[in-house]
Amino acid sequence: MMRQGGGRGGRRGRGGRGGRGRGGQNFRQRRDNSEGEDSRPQQNPDEMLGSTFVSLDNKNLQVEIKENHRGKFLKVSEVAEAGSQPGRNRVTLGISSASEFMSQLSDFASYAELEPPTEEGSEEKSFKSSSMVKDAKRYYFDFKENQRGRYLRITQTTMGGRKQIALPDTGITALHEAVQDLVKKHASDADGAPESQLPTTREVQDHPKRFYFDVGNNNRGVYLRVTETVNNYQRASSVVTIPHRAWTRVRDVLIDFCDQMPYQAEEEPAEGEATSA
């Protein structure tokens, strides 16, 4: 009896020690994680390279070029006044997309000059729209007019949601010049291959899923990012990044699969074909 009780006691003791041991490991892990989080700000993940302030009639914009481990990027935010913290209304894009972004602004600035405003007090109207796609991010440019006047709304949609800024038609040229000045000062060809040298974004639709194929370039080289979204970003997406050196091997695997199962390709709907975005 004593030996049996001792056995049970031994098991309880081992269980207790095991529980304390696991608890201790969890505590050390939480402590290590907290130390890692505390150390991250010291790494300065987003380094400010340049900034400028654009003061418009009824809107103020802060234009910044920053850099992190992914490379340089442009950020345009609505702010209350110069030097204040940016608000929620903002858009960001990689520096390799700055050229196309400026081209869109130039196009809308020219349109605003040629298209006369309508009579005051009219209902909201839409005049011109455009879009651009980069790294599974979509940017929509909408030139509209309401009772307060004409304006350009720039909307960015990503897997994480939607962001946007709006500026009066008289400030489109000012924003273009601010972005152009910062890019000239703080960006170069070494920051990424020009858009003309990279394949354009492609997408494949197979309801309710949508697959984006984006070719990018960073300090590690050229890569392909495949992004899967469901119900137009309403659900979580998955992302796979394939370095350029592995493209041919991935292609050979896909070709092999298609040869083994050709009947699936015959049943694909027309809208499932890859199209340029």
C-alpha atoms as a PDB file:
ATOM      1  CA  MET A   1       0.000   0.000   0.000  1.00  0.00           C
ATOM      2  CA  MET A   2       2.757   2.336   0.854  1.00  0.00           C
ATOM      3  CA  ARG A   3       4.506   1.562  -2.402  1.00  0.00           C
ATOM      4  CA  GLN A   4       1.291   2.118  -4.366  1.00  0.00           C
ATOM      5  CA  GLY A   5       0.637   5.386  -2.607  1.00  0.00           C
ATOM      6  CA  GLY A   6       4.214   6.377  -3.206  1.00  0.00           C
ATOM      7  CA  GLY A   7       3.729   5.591  -6.903  1.00  0.00           C
ATOM      8  CA  ARG A   8       0.709   7.838  -7.086  1.00  0.00           C
ATOM      9  CA  GLY A   9       2.520  10.482  -5.202  1.00  0.00           C
ATOM     10  CA  GLY A  10       5.439  10.115  -7.572  1.00  0.00           C
ATOM     11  CA  ARG A  11       3.154  10.581 -10.541  1.00  0.00           C
ATOM     12  CA  ARG A  12       1.605  13.632  -8.990  1.00  0.00           C
ATOM     13  CA  GLY A  13       5.019  14.970  -8.241  1.00  0.00           C
ATOM     14  CA  ARG A  14       6.180  14.440 -11.790  1.00  0.00           C
ATOM     15  CA  GLY A  15       3.029  15.992 -13.123  1.00  0.00           C
ATOM     16  CA  GLY A  16       3.493  18.972 -10.824  1.00  0.00           C
ATOM     17  CA  ARG A  17       7.080  19.396 -11.817  1.00  0.00           C
ATOM     18  CA  GLY A  18       6.129  18.981 -15.474  1.00  0.00           C
ATOM     19  CA  GLY A  19       3.422  21.621 -15.139  1.00  0.00           C
ATOM     20  CA  ARG A  20       5.806  23.973 -13.408  1.00  0.00           C
ATOM     21  CA  GLY A  21       8.401  23.264 -16.041  1.00  0.00           C
ATOM     22  CA  ARG A  22       6.029  24.027 -18.888  1.00  0.00           C
ATOM     23  CA  GLY A  23       4.818  27.107 -17.081  1.00  0.00           C
ATOM     24  CA  GLY A  24       8.385  28.225 -16.649  1.00  0.00           C
ATOM     25  CA  GLN A  25       9.066  27.692 -20.327  1.00  0.00           C
ATOM     26  CA  ASN A  26       5.961  29.659 -21.244  1.00  0.00           C
ATOM     27  CA  PHE A  27       7.022  32.452 -18.930  1.00  0.00           C
ATOM     28  CA  ARG A  28      10.498  32.523 -20.428  1.00  0.00           C
ATOM     29  CA  GLN A  29       9.011  32.484 -23.910  1.00  0.00           C
ATOM     30  CA  ARG A  30       6.690  35.386 -23.090  1.00  0.00           C
ATOM     31  CA  ARG A  31       9.606  37.257 -21.572  1.00  0.00           C
ATOM     32  CA  ASP A  32      11.742  36.605 -24.664  1.00  0.00           C
ATOM     33  CA  ASN A  33       8.924  37.722 -26.931  1.00  0.00           C
ATOM     34  CA  SER A  34       8.409  40.894 -24.967  1.00  0.00           C
ATOM     35  CA  GLU A  35      12.117  41.607 -25.130  1.00  0.00           C
ATOM     36  CA  GLY A  36      11.990  41.066 -28.880  1.00  0.00           C
ATOM     37  CA  GLU A  37       9.083  43.468 -29.216  1.00  0.00           C
ATOM     38  CA  ASP A  38      10.884  46.040 -27.130  1.00  0.00           C
ATOM     39  CA  SER A  39      13.963  45.704 -29.272  1.00  0.00           C
ATOM     40  CA  ARG A  40      12.136  46.164 -32.580  1.00  0.00           C
ATOM     41  CA  PRO A  41      11.688  49.950 -32.357  1.00  0.00           C
ATOM     42  CA  GLN A  42      15.430  50.254 -31.867  1.00  0.00           C
ATOM     43  CA  GLN A  43      15.900  48.726 -35.323  1.00  0.00           C
ATOM     44  CA  ASN A  44      14.102  51.726 -36.854  1.00  0.00           C
ATOM     45  CA  PRO A  45      12.066  49.647 -39.354  1.00  0.00           C
ATOM     46  CA  ASP A  46      10.745  52.711 -41.224  1.00  0.00           C
ATOM     47  CA  GLU A  47      13.489  55.237 -41.866  1.00  0.00           C
ATOM     48  CA  MET A  48      12.387  58.677 -42.972  1.00  0.00           C
ATOM     49  CA  LEU A  49      14.270  59.748 -46.126  1.00  0.00           C
ATOM     50  CA  GLY A  50      12.346  62.852 -47.103  1.00  0.00           C
ATOM     51  CA  SER A  51       9.116  64.700 -46.431  1.00  0.00           C
ATOM     52  CA  THR A  52       7.212  67.681 -47.765  1.00  0.00           C
ATOM     53  CA  PHE A  53       3.949  69.447 -46.937  1.00  0.00           C
ATOM     54  CA  VAL A  54       1.323  70.383 -49.529  1.00  0.00           C
ATOM     55  CA  SER A  55      -1.146  73.070 -48.437  1.00  0.00           C
ATOM     56  CA  LEU A  56      -4.330  73.153 -50.501  1.00  0.00           C
ATOM     57  CA  ASP A  57      -7.560  75.180 -50.366  1.00  0.00           C
ATOM     58  CA  ASN A  58      -9.356  72.972 -47.858  1.00  0.00           C
ATOM     59  CA  LYS A  59      -6.963  70.057 -47.484  1.00  0.00           C
ATOM     60  CA  ASN A  60      -3.406  69.498 -46.266  1.00  0.00           C
ATOM     61  CA  LEU A  61      -1.259  66.595 -47.425  1.00  0.00           C
ATOM     62  CA  GLN A  62       1.974  65.168 -46.028  1.00  0.00           C
ATOM     63  CA  VAL A  63       4.116  63.429 -48.655  1.00  0.00           C
ATOM     64  CA  GLU A  64       6.887  61.155 -47.375  1.00  0.00           C
ATOM     65  CA  ILE A  65       9.457  58.726 -48.726  1.00  0.00           C
ATOM     66  CA  LYS A  66      10.474  56.046 -46.233  1.00  0.00           C
ATOM     67  CA  GLU A  67      12.539  52.877 -46.279  1.00  0.00           C
ATOM     68  CA  ASN A  68      12.317  49.551 -44.468  1.00  0.00           C
ATOM     69  CA  HIS A  69      13.537  45.997 -45.054  1.00  0.00           C
ATOM     70  CA  ARG A  70      11.258  45.713 -48.079  1.00  0.00           C
ATOM     71  CA  GLY A  71      12.670  48.802 -49.750  1.00  0.00           C
ATOM     72  CA  LYS A  72      11.624  52.401 -50.300  1.00  0.00           C
ATOM     73  CA  PHE A  73       8.001  53.456 -50.422  1.00  0.00           C
ATOM     74  CA  LEU A  74       5.883  56.560 -50.851  1.00  0.00           C
ATOM     75  CA  LYS A  75       3.246  57.640 -48.342  1.00  0.00           C
ATOM     76  CA  VAL A  76       0.649  60.381 -48.857  1.00  0.00           C
ATOM     77  CA  SER A  77      -1.452  61.315 -45.808  1.00  0.00           C
ATOM     78  CA  GLU A  78      -4.110  63.875 -44.971  1.00  0.00           C
ATOM     79  CA  VAL A  79      -2.995  66.012 -42.022  1.00  0.00           C
ATOM     80  CA  ALA A  80      -4.511  68.845 -40.000  1.00  0.00           C
ATOM     81  CA  GLU A  81      -1.457  71.094 -40.316  1.00  0.00           C
ATOM     82  CA  ALA A  82       2.271  70.947 -41.034  1.00  0.00           C
ATOM     83  CA  GLY A  83       4.120  68.845 -38.480  1.00  0.00           C
ATOM     84  CA  SER A  84       1.011  67.155 -37.093  1.00  0.00           C
ATOM     85  CA  GLN A  85       0.516  63.407 -36.993  1.00  0.00           C
ATOM     86  CA  PRO A  86      -0.990  61.894 -40.174  1.00  0.00           C
ATOM     87  CA  GLY A  87      -4.623  60.877 -39.951  1.00  0.00           C
ATOM     88  CA  ARG A  88      -6.296  57.689 -41.039  1.00  0.00           C
ATOM     89  CA  ASN A  89      -6.736  58.878 -44.603  1.00  0.00           C
ATOM     90  CA  ARG A  90      -3.587  57.842 -46.429  1.00  0.00           C
ATOM     91  CA  VAL A  91      -2.234  55.709 -49.268  1.00  0.00           C
ATOM     92  CA  THR A  92       1.131  53.974 -49.631  1.00  0.00           C
ATOM     93  CA  LEU A  93       2.916  52.465 -52.605  1.00  0.00           C
ATOM     94  CA  GLY A  94       6.321  51.055 -53.443  1.00  0.00           C
ATOM     95  CA  ILE A  95       8.823  53.416 -55.005  1.00  0.00           C
ATOM     96  CA  SER A  96       8.798  51.347 -58.211  1.00  0.00           C
ATOM     97  CA  SER A  97       5.138  52.379 -58.653  1.00  0.00           C
ATOM     98  CA  ALA A  98       5.819  56.096 -58.220  1.00  0.00           C
ATOM     99  CA  SER A  99       6.253  56.679 -61.956  1.00  0.00           C
ATOM    100  CA  GLU A 100       2.837  55.263 -62.818  1.00  0.00           C
ATOM    101  CA  PHE A 101       1.308  57.101 -59.847  1.00  0.00           C
ATOM    102  CA  MET A 102       2.691  60.420 -61.141  1.00  0.00           C
ATOM    103  CA  SER A 103       1.450  59.597 -64.643  1.00  0.00           C
ATOM    104  CA  GLN A 104      -2.061  59.125 -63.270  1.00  0.00           C
ATOM    105  CA  LEU A 105      -1.876  62.455 -61.442  1.00  0.00           C
ATOM    106  CA  SER A 106      -0.645  64.234 -64.564  1.00  0.00           C
ATOM    107  CA  ASP A 107      -3.481  62.754 -66.616  1.00  0.00           C
ATOM    108  CA  PHE A 108      -6.134  63.887 -64.129  1.00  0.00           C
ATOM    109  CA  ALA A 109      -4.557  67.330 -63.790  1.00  0.00           C
ATOM    110  CA  SER A 110      -4.811  67.797 -67.562  1.00  0.00           C
ATOM    111  CA  TYR A 111      -8.400  66.599 -67.527  1.00  0.00           C
ATOM    112  CA  ALA A 112      -9.300  69.049 -64.736  1.00  0.00           C
ATOM    113  CA  GLU A 113      -7.933  71.938 -66.795  1.00  0.00           C
ATOM    114  CA  LEU A 114      -9.815  70.981 -69.952  1.00  0.00           C
ATOM    115  CA  GLU A 115     -13.126  69.984 -68.358  1.00  0.00           C
ATOM    116  CA  PRO A 116     -15.030  73.050 -67.057  1.00  0.00           C
ATOM    117  CA  PRO A 117     -16.852  72.747 -63.723  1.00  0.00           C
ATOM    118  CA  THR A 118     -20.623  72.402 -63.720  1.00  0.00           C
ATOM    119  CA  GLU A 119     -23.051  74.783 -62.059  1.00  0.00           C
ATOM    120  CA  GLU A 120     -22.811  75.155 -58.284  1.00  0.00           C
ATOM    121  CA  GLY A 121     -25.275  73.237 -56.158  1.00  0.00           C
ATOM    122  CA  SER A 122     -25.401  70.261 -58.491  1.00  0.00           C
ATOM    123  CA  GLU A 123     -25.583  66.706 -57.200  1.00  0.00           C
ATOM    124  CA  GLU A 124     -22.477  64.547 -56.960  1.00  0.00           C
ATOM    125  CA  LYS A 125     -21.247  63.446 -60.358  1.00  0.00           C
ATOM    126  CA  SER A 126     -18.467  61.176 -61.576  1.00  0.00           C
ATOM    127  CA  PHE A 127     -16.468  62.320 -64.592  1.00  0.00           C
ATOM    128  CA  LYS A 128     -13.394  60.170 -64.996  1.00  0.00           C
ATOM    129  CA  SER A 129     -12.024  56.997 -63.393  1.00  0.00           C
ATOM    130  CA  SER A 130      -8.854  54.977 -63.703  1.00  0.00           C
ATOM    131  CA  SER A 131      -6.931  52.307 -61.795  1.00  0.00           C
ATOM    132  CA  MET A 132      -3.521  50.725 -61.360  1.00  0.00           C
ATOM    133  CA  VAL A 133      -2.421  47.426 -59.816  1.00  0.00           C
ATOM    134  CA  LYS A 134       0.826  46.589 -58.064  1.00  0.00           C
ATOM    135  CA  ASP A 135       1.721  43.756 -55.631  1.00  0.00           C
ATOM    136  CA  ALA A 136      -1.910  42.728 -55.122  1.00  0.00           C
ATOM    137  CA  LYS A 137      -2.774  46.340 -54.320  1.00  0.00           C
ATOM    138  CA  ARG A 138      -5.330  48.169 -56.383  1.00  0.00           C
ATOM    139  CA  TYR A 139      -5.426  51.954 -56.678  1.00  0.00           C
ATOM    140  CA  TYR A 140      -8.583  53.645 -57.946  1.00  0.00           C
ATOM    141  CA  PHE A 141      -8.575  57.241 -59.170  1.00  0.00           C
ATOM    142  CA  ASP A 142     -12.012  58.872 -59.329  1.00  0.00           C
ATOM    143  CA  PHE A 143     -12.565  62.451 -60.451  1.00  0.00           C
ATOM    144  CA  LYS A 144     -15.869  63.690 -59.045  1.00  0.00           C
ATOM    145  CA  GLU A 145     -17.846  66.817 -58.224  1.00  0.00           C
ATOM    146  CA  ASN A 146     -20.249  67.626 -55.403  1.00  0.00           C
ATOM    147  CA  GLN A 147     -21.681  70.774 -53.802  1.00  0.00           C
ATOM    148  CA  ARG A 148     -18.268  71.737 -52.422  1.00  0.00           C
ATOM    149  CA  GLY A 149     -16.543  71.482 -55.776  1.00  0.00           C
ATOM    150  CA  ARG A 150     -14.500  69.061 -57.858  1.00  0.00           C
ATOM    151  CA  TYR A 151     -12.052  66.637 -56.331  1.00  0.00           C
ATOM    152  CA  LEU A 152      -9.915  63.567 -56.979  1.00  0.00           C
ATOM    153  CA  ARG A 153     -10.335  60.555 -54.702  1.00  0.00           C
ATOM    154  CA  ILE A 154      -7.508  58.012 -54.588  1.00  0.00           C
ATOM    155  CA  THR A 155      -8.467  54.677 -53.020  1.00  0.00           C
ATOM    156  CA  GLN A 156      -6.078  51.870 -52.158  1.00  0.00           C
ATOM    157  CA  THR A 157      -7.413  48.351 -51.557  1.00  0.00           C
ATOM    158  CA  THR A 158      -5.293  45.579 -50.070  1.00  0.00           C
ATOM    159  CA  MET A 159      -5.799  42.325 -48.204  1.00  0.00           C
ATOM    160  CA  GLY A 160      -6.025  44.391 -45.025  1.00  0.00           C
ATOM    161  CA  GLY A 161      -8.835  46.675 -46.149  1.00  0.00           C
ATOM    162  CA  ARG A 162      -9.335  50.023 -47.833  1.00  0.00           C
ATOM    163  CA  LYS A 163      -7.580  53.394 -47.494  1.00  0.00           C
ATOM    164  CA  GLN A 164      -8.125  56.624 -49.348  1.00  0.00           C
ATOM    165  CA  ILE A 165      -7.337  60.308 -49.677  1.00  0.00           C
ATOM    166  CA  ALA A 166      -9.179  63.115 -51.427  1.00  0.00           C
ATOM    167  CA  LEU A 167      -7.888  66.419 -52.751  1.00  0.00           C
ATOM    168  CA  PRO A 168      -9.459  69.350 -54.650  1.00  0.00           C
ATOM    169  CA  ASP A 169      -8.909  69.516 -58.402  1.00  0.00           C
ATOM    170  CA  THR A 170      -6.697  72.588 -57.936  1.00  0.00           C
ATOM    171  CA  GLY A 171      -4.227  70.529 -55.870  1.00  0.00           C
ATOM    172  CA  ILE A 172      -3.588  67.635 -58.252  1.00  0.00           C
ATOM    173  CA  THR A 173      -0.655  69.391 -59.931  1.00  0.00           C
ATOM    174  CA  ALA A 174       0.799  70.415 -56.556  1.00  0.00           C
ATOM    175  CA  LEU A 175       0.724  66.800 -55.346  1.00  0.00           C
ATOM    176  CA  HIS A 176       2.348  65.627 -58.583  1.00  0.00           C
ATOM    177  CA  GLU A 177       5.167  68.144 -58.187  1.00  0.00           C
ATOM    178  CA  ALA A 178       5.719  67.204 -54.536  1.00  0.00           C
ATOM    179  CA  VAL A 179       5.966  63.487 -55.346  1.00  0.00           C
ATOM    180  CA  GLN A 180       8.215  64.156 -58.326  1.00  0.00           C
ATOM    181  CA  ASP A 181      10.587  66.299 -56.255  1.00  0.00           C
ATOM    182  CA  LEU A 182      10.920  63.688 -53.491  1.00  0.00           C
ATOM    183  CA  VAL A 183      11.470  60.845 -55.950  1.00  0.00           C
ATOM    184  CA  LYS A 184      14.237  62.760 -57.714  1.00  0.00           C
ATOM    185  CA  LYS A 185      15.985  63.461 -54.426  1.00  0.00           C
ATOM    186  CA  HIS A 186      15.646  60.126 -52.653  1.00  0.00           C
ATOM    187  CA  ALA A 187      15.122  57.405 -55.275  1.00  0.00           C
ATOM    188  CA  SER A 188      17.251  55.942 -58.038  1.00  0.00           C
ATOM    189  CA  ASP A 189      17.233  53.095 -60.557  1.00  0.00           C
ATOM    190  CA  ALA A 190      18.948  50.896 -57.963  1.00  0.00           C
ATOM    191  CA  ASP A 191      15.791  50.947 -55.833  1.00  0.00           C
ATOM    192  CA  GLY A 192      14.004  48.661 -58.268  1.00  0.00           C
ATOM    193  CA  ALA A 193      13.672  47.840 -61.913  1.00  0.00           C
ATOM    194  CA  PRO A 194      11.578  50.328 -63.895  1.00  0.00           C
ATOM    195  CA  GLU A 195       8.003  49.228 -64.454  1.00  0.00           C
ATOM    196  CA  SER A 196       8.632  48.924 -68.215  1.00  0.00           C
ATOM    197  CA  GLN A 197      11.215  46.200 -67.569  1.00  0.00           C
ATOM    198  CA  LEU A 198       8.919  44.031 -65.456  1.00  0.00           C
ATOM    199  CA  PRO A 199       5.909  41.993 -66.607  1.00  0.00           C
ATOM    200  CA  THR A 200       2.578  43.623 -65.856  1.00  0.00           C
ATOM    201  CA  THR A 201       0.289  42.262 -63.178  1.00  0.00           C
ATOM    202  CA  ARG A 202      -1.908  39.353 -64.235  1.00  0.00           C
ATOM    203  CA  GLU A 203      -4.956  37.935 -62.535  1.00  0.00           C
ATOM    204  CA  VAL A 204      -7.016  34.762 -62.710  1.00  0.00           C
ATOM    205  CA  GLN A 205     -10.635  34.674 -61.547  1.00  0.00           C
ATOM    206  CA  ASP A 206     -12.311  31.483 -60.417  1.00  0.00           C
ATOM    207  CA  HIS A 207     -15.307  32.511 -58.331  1.00  0.00           C
ATOM    208  CA  PRO A 208     -15.218  33.117 -55.441  1.00  0.00           C
ATOM    209  CA  LYS A 209     -11.422  33.242 -55.608  1.00  0.00           C
ATOM    210  CA  ARG A 210      -9.125  35.645 -57.403  1.00  0.00           C
ATOM    211  CA  PHE A 211      -5.390  35.079 -57.950  1.00  0.00           C
ATOM    212  CA  TYR A 212      -2.949  37.948 -58.564  1.00  0.00           C
ATOM    213  CA  PHE A 213       0.459  37.405 -60.166  1.00  0.00           C
ATOM    214  CA  ASP A 214       2.754  40.359 -59.438  1.00  0.00           C
ATOM    215  CA  VAL A 215       6.396  40.632 -60.492  1.00  0.00           C
ATOM    216  CA  GLY A 216       8.504  42.861 -58.260  1.00  0.00           C
ATOM    217  CA  ASN A 217      12.092  43.721 -57.530  1.00  0.00           C
ATOM    218  CA  ASN A 218      13.914  44.458 -54.275  1.00  0.00           C
ATOM    219  CA  ASN A 219      17.422  44.215 -52.876  1.00  0.00           C
ATOM    220  CA  ARG A 220      17.195  40.404 -53.095  1.00  0.00           C
ATOM    221  CA  GLY A 221      16.339  40.381 -56.786  1.00  0.00           C
ATOM    222  CA  VAL A 222      13.283  39.802 -58.969  1.00  0.00           C
ATOM    223  CA  TYR A 223      10.424  37.748 -57.562  1.00  0.00           C
ATOM    224  CA  LEU A 224       6.887  36.602 -58.346  1.00  0.00           C
ATOM    225  CA  ARG A 225       4.213  37.113 -55.701  1.00  0.00           C
ATOM    226  CA  VAL A 226       1.052  35.008 -56.052  1.00  0.00           C
ATOM    227  CA  THR A 227      -1.822  36.290 -53.923  1.00  0.00           C
ATOM    228  CA  GLU A 228      -5.084  34.448 -53.355  1.00  0.00           C
ATOM    229  CA  THR A 229      -8.120  36.475 -52.302  1.00  0.00           C
ATOM    230  CA  VAL A 230     -11.696  35.399 -51.631  1.00  0.00           C
ATOM    231  CA  ASN A 231     -14.816  37.476 -52.248  1.00  0.00           C
ATOM    232  CA  ASN A 232     -12.871  40.593 -53.200  1.00  0.00           C
ATOM    233  CA  TYR A 233     -10.780  40.803 -50.011  1.00  0.00           C
ATOM    234  CA  GLN A 234     -13.693  39.967 -47.733  1.00  0.00           C
ATOM    235  CA  ARG A 235     -11.793  36.953 -46.377  1.00  0.00           C
ATOM    236  CA  ALA A 236      -8.182  36.281 -45.440  1.00  0.00           C
ATOM    237  CA  SER A 237      -5.764  35.760 -48.320  1.00  0.00           C
ATOM    238  CA  SER A 238      -2.650  33.679 -48.760  1.00  0.00           C
ATOM    239  CA  VAL A 239       0.558  34.871 -50.395  1.00  0.00           C
ATOM    240  CA  VAL A 240       3.401  32.903 -51.960  1.00  0.00           C
ATOM    241  CA  THR A 241       6.625  34.551 -53.102  1.00  0.00           C
ATOM    242  CA  ILE A 242       8.782  32.751 -55.695  1.00  0.00           C
ATOM    243  CA  PRO A 243      12.307  34.039 -56.506  1.00  0.00           C
ATOM    244  CA  HIS A 244      13.138  34.447 -60.182  1.00  0.00           C
ATOM    245  CA  ARG A 245      15.703  31.629 -60.115  1.00  0.00           C
ATOM    246  CA  ALA A 246      12.917  29.117 -59.314  1.00  0.00           C
ATOM    247  CA  TRP A 247      10.415  30.178 -61.961  1.00  0.00           C
ATOM    248  CA  THR A 248      11.400  27.595 -64.573  1.00  0.00           C
ATOM    249  CA  ARG A 249      11.255  24.763 -62.051  1.00  0.00           C
ATOM    250  CA  VAL A 250       7.798  25.827 -60.903  1.00  0.00           C
ATOM    251  CA  ARG A 251       6.723  26.119 -64.534  1.00  0.00           C
ATOM    252  CA  ASP A 252       7.948  22.584 -65.285  1.00  0.00           C
ATOM    253  CA  VAL A 253       5.955  21.205 -62.349  1.00  0.00           C
ATOM    254  CA  LEU A 254       2.772  22.977 -63.497  1.00  0.00           C
ATOM    255  CA  ILE A 255       3.250  21.786 -67.082  1.00  0.00           C
ATOM    256  CA  ASP A 256       3.747  18.253 -65.825  1.00  0.00           C
ATOM    257  CA  PHE A 257       0.524  18.447 -63.799  1.00  0.00           C
ATOM    258  CA  CYS A 258      -1.388  19.838 -66.790  1.00  0.00           C
ATOM    259  CA  ASP A 259      -0.100  17.015 -69.021  1.00  0.00           C
ATOM    260  CA  GLN A 260      -1.211  14.440 -66.470  1.00  0.00           C
ATOM    261  CA  MET A 261      -4.693  15.945 -66.083  1.00  0.00           C
ATOM    262  CA  PRO A 262      -5.546  17.647 -69.420  1.00  0.00           C
ATOM    263  CA  TYR A 263      -9.304  17.212 -68.949  1.00  0.00           C
ATOM    264  CA  GLN A 264      -9.372  19.882 -66.205  1.00  0.00           C
ATOM    265  CA  ALA A 265      -8.032  22.514 -68.587  1.00  0.00           C
ATOM    266  CA  GLU A 266     -10.871  21.759 -71.008  1.00  0.00           C
ATOM    267  CA  GLU A 267     -13.468  22.374 -68.289  1.00  0.00           C
ATOM    268  CA  GLU A 268     -12.103  25.734 -67.151  1.00  0.00           C
ATOM    269  CA  PRO A 269     -14.614  28.587 -67.685  1.00  0.00           C
ATOM    270  CA  ALA A 270     -13.641  31.447 -69.979  1.00  0.00           C
ATOM    271  CA  GLU A 271     -13.448  33.995 -67.155  1.00  0.00           C
ATOM    272  CA  GLY A 272     -10.852  31.832 -65.412  1.00  0.00           C
ATOM    273  CA  GLU A 273      -8.239  32.661 -68.037  1.00  0.00           C
ATOM    274  CA  ALA A 274      -5.345  34.883 -67.018  1.00  0.00           C
ATOM    275  CA  THR A 275      -5.822  38.497 -68.047  1.00  0.00           C
ATOM    276  CA  SER A 276      -3.737  41.610 -67.758  1.00  0.00           C
ATOM    277  CA  ALA A 277      -4.870  43.885 -64.940  1.00  0.00           C
END
